Amino acid sequence: MKQQVQKQMGQAFPLGYLGDPLKNIAPALVFLASDAAHYITGQQIAINGGSAMVR
């Protein structure tokens, strides 16, 4: 049942799958916490597999 729900939900995302926190969110968090992001202020980074795209 869980796989069926994940498959159905994944079809709603343009990338075709639900994100994995370790593969998709963690790298962005590590970047934002690093010195490489020192010049970024007040931005929203959508880590949503494209689900916010206008269709």
N, C-alpha and C. Protein backbone atom coordinates (compact mmCIF):
# COMPACT_ATOMS: atom_id res chain seq x y z
N MET A 1 0.82 -1.20 0.00
CA MET A 1 0.00 0.00 0.00
C MET A 1 0.87 1.26 0.00
N LYS A 2 1.93 1.27 0.81
CA LYS A 2 2.81 2.44 0.90
C LYS A 2 3.45 2.73 -0.45
N GLN A 3 3.91 1.70 -1.16
CA GLN A 3 4.54 1.90 -2.46
C GLN A 3 3.54 2.45 -3.47
N GLN A 4 2.30 2.01 -3.38
CA GLN A 4 1.26 2.50 -4.29
C GLN A 4 0.99 3.99 -4.06
N VAL A 5 0.92 4.39 -2.80
CA VAL A 5 0.69 5.79 -2.46
C VAL A 5 1.88 6.63 -2.92
N GLN A 6 3.10 6.15 -2.68
CA GLN A 6 4.29 6.88 -3.11
C GLN A 6 4.33 7.02 -4.63
N LYS A 7 3.92 5.98 -5.34
CA LYS A 7 3.90 6.03 -6.80
C LYS A 7 2.89 7.07 -7.28
N GLN A 8 1.70 7.07 -6.68
CA GLN A 8 0.67 8.04 -7.08
C GLN A 8 1.11 9.47 -6.77
N MET A 9 1.69 9.67 -5.60
CA MET A 9 2.15 11.00 -5.23
C MET A 9 3.31 11.43 -6.14
N GLY A 10 4.19 10.51 -6.46
CA GLY A 10 5.32 10.81 -7.32
C GLY A 10 4.90 11.27 -8.70
N GLN A 11 3.76 10.79 -9.18
CA GLN A 11 3.27 11.19 -10.49
C GLN A 11 2.87 12.67 -10.52
N ALA A 12 2.63 13.25 -9.35
CA ALA A 12 2.25 14.66 -9.27
C ALA A 12 3.47 15.57 -9.37
N PHE A 13 4.67 15.03 -9.27
CA PHE A 13 5.90 15.80 -9.32
C PHE A 13 6.50 15.71 -10.72
N PRO A 14 6.89 16.83 -11.31
CA PRO A 14 7.48 16.79 -12.65
C PRO A 14 8.71 15.88 -12.76
N LEU A 15 9.47 15.75 -11.68
CA LEU A 15 10.64 14.85 -11.73
C LEU A 15 10.23 13.39 -11.65
N GLY A 16 8.99 13.12 -11.25
CA GLY A 16 8.47 11.76 -11.26
C GLY A 16 8.71 10.93 -10.02
N TYR A 17 9.21 11.53 -8.96
CA TYR A 17 9.41 10.78 -7.73
C TYR A 17 9.38 11.71 -6.53
N LEU A 18 9.09 11.14 -5.37
CA LEU A 18 9.15 11.91 -4.13
C LEU A 18 10.61 12.08 -3.74
N GLY A 19 10.93 13.21 -3.19
CA GLY A 19 12.31 13.46 -2.80
C GLY A 19 12.75 12.63 -1.61
N ASP A 20 14.04 12.42 -1.55
CA ASP A 20 14.67 11.72 -0.44
C ASP A 20 15.40 12.77 0.40
N PRO A 21 15.07 12.90 1.69
CA PRO A 21 15.71 13.94 2.51
C PRO A 21 17.23 13.89 2.48
N LEU A 22 17.81 12.70 2.47
CA LEU A 22 19.28 12.60 2.48
C LEU A 22 19.90 12.96 1.14
N LYS A 23 19.20 12.69 0.05
CA LYS A 23 19.75 12.96 -1.27
C LYS A 23 19.36 14.33 -1.81
N ASN A 24 18.21 14.86 -1.39
CA ASN A 24 17.70 16.08 -1.99
C ASN A 24 17.73 17.30 -1.07
N ILE A 25 17.49 17.12 0.19
CA ILE A 25 17.42 18.27 1.10
C ILE A 25 18.75 18.50 1.81
N ALA A 26 19.40 17.44 2.26
CA ALA A 26 20.65 17.57 3.01
C ALA A 26 21.72 18.36 2.25
N PRO A 27 21.93 18.12 0.95
CA PRO A 27 22.97 18.91 0.26
C PRO A 27 22.68 20.42 0.28
N ALA A 28 21.41 20.80 0.15
CA ALA A 28 21.08 22.22 0.19
C ALA A 28 21.32 22.80 1.58
N LEU A 29 21.00 22.03 2.61
CA LEU A 29 21.24 22.50 3.97
C LEU A 29 22.72 22.62 4.27
N VAL A 30 23.51 21.67 3.80
CA VAL A 30 24.95 21.73 4.00
C VAL A 30 25.52 22.95 3.28
N PHE A 31 25.04 23.20 2.06
CA PHE A 31 25.50 24.38 1.33
C PHE A 31 25.15 25.66 2.08
N LEU A 32 23.90 25.78 2.54
CA LEU A 32 23.49 27.00 3.23
C LEU A 32 24.24 27.21 4.54
N ALA A 33 24.66 26.13 5.18
CA ALA A 33 25.40 26.23 6.43
C ALA A 33 26.90 26.46 6.20
N SER A 34 27.33 26.38 4.95
CA SER A 34 28.76 26.51 4.66
C SER A 34 29.14 27.96 4.35
N ASP A 35 30.44 28.19 4.28
CA ASP A 35 30.95 29.51 3.91
C ASP A 35 30.63 29.86 2.46
N ALA A 36 30.33 28.86 1.64
CA ALA A 36 30.01 29.12 0.23
C ALA A 36 28.72 29.93 0.07
N ALA A 37 27.87 29.92 1.09
CA ALA A 37 26.60 30.65 1.03
C ALA A 37 26.68 31.98 1.78
N HIS A 38 27.87 32.49 2.02
CA HIS A 38 28.02 33.69 2.84
C HIS A 38 27.37 34.93 2.22
N TYR A 39 27.14 34.94 0.93
CA TYR A 39 26.60 36.13 0.27
C TYR A 39 25.09 35.98 -0.03
N ILE A 40 24.48 34.93 0.42
CA ILE A 40 23.05 34.70 0.19
C ILE A 40 22.27 35.25 1.37
N THR A 41 21.28 36.08 1.07
CA THR A 41 20.42 36.63 2.12
C THR A 41 18.96 36.57 1.69
N GLY A 42 18.11 36.16 2.58
CA GLY A 42 16.66 36.23 2.38
C GLY A 42 16.12 35.54 1.14
N GLN A 43 16.61 34.39 0.82
CA GLN A 43 16.14 33.68 -0.36
C GLN A 43 15.33 32.45 0.02
N GLN A 44 14.42 32.08 -0.85
CA GLN A 44 13.68 30.84 -0.69
C GLN A 44 14.19 29.87 -1.74
N ILE A 45 14.58 28.70 -1.30
CA ILE A 45 15.07 27.68 -2.22
C ILE A 45 14.03 26.55 -2.22
N ALA A 46 13.35 26.41 -3.33
CA ALA A 46 12.30 25.39 -3.43
C ALA A 46 12.93 24.03 -3.71
N ILE A 47 12.87 23.17 -2.73
CA ILE A 47 13.37 21.80 -2.90
C ILE A 47 12.13 20.92 -2.92
N ASN A 48 11.44 20.94 -4.07
CA ASN A 48 10.13 20.31 -4.12
C ASN A 48 9.91 19.49 -5.40
N GLY A 49 10.97 19.17 -6.08
CA GLY A 49 10.83 18.33 -7.28
C GLY A 49 10.05 18.96 -8.40
N GLY A 50 9.91 20.28 -8.36
CA GLY A 50 9.18 20.97 -9.41
C GLY A 50 7.69 21.07 -9.18
N SER A 51 7.22 20.67 -8.00
CA SER A 51 5.77 20.67 -7.77
C SER A 51 5.17 22.06 -7.72
N ALA A 52 5.99 23.10 -7.58
CA ALA A 52 5.48 24.46 -7.55
C ALA A 52 5.40 25.07 -8.95
N MET A 53 5.75 24.30 -9.96
CA MET A 53 5.71 24.81 -11.33
C MET A 53 4.27 25.05 -11.76
N VAL A 54 4.09 26.05 -12.56
CA VAL A 54 2.76 26.34 -13.11
C VAL A 54 2.57 25.46 -14.32
N ARG A 55 1.46 24.78 -14.35
CA ARG A 55 1.18 23.88 -15.48
C ARG A 55 0.16 24.50 -16.39
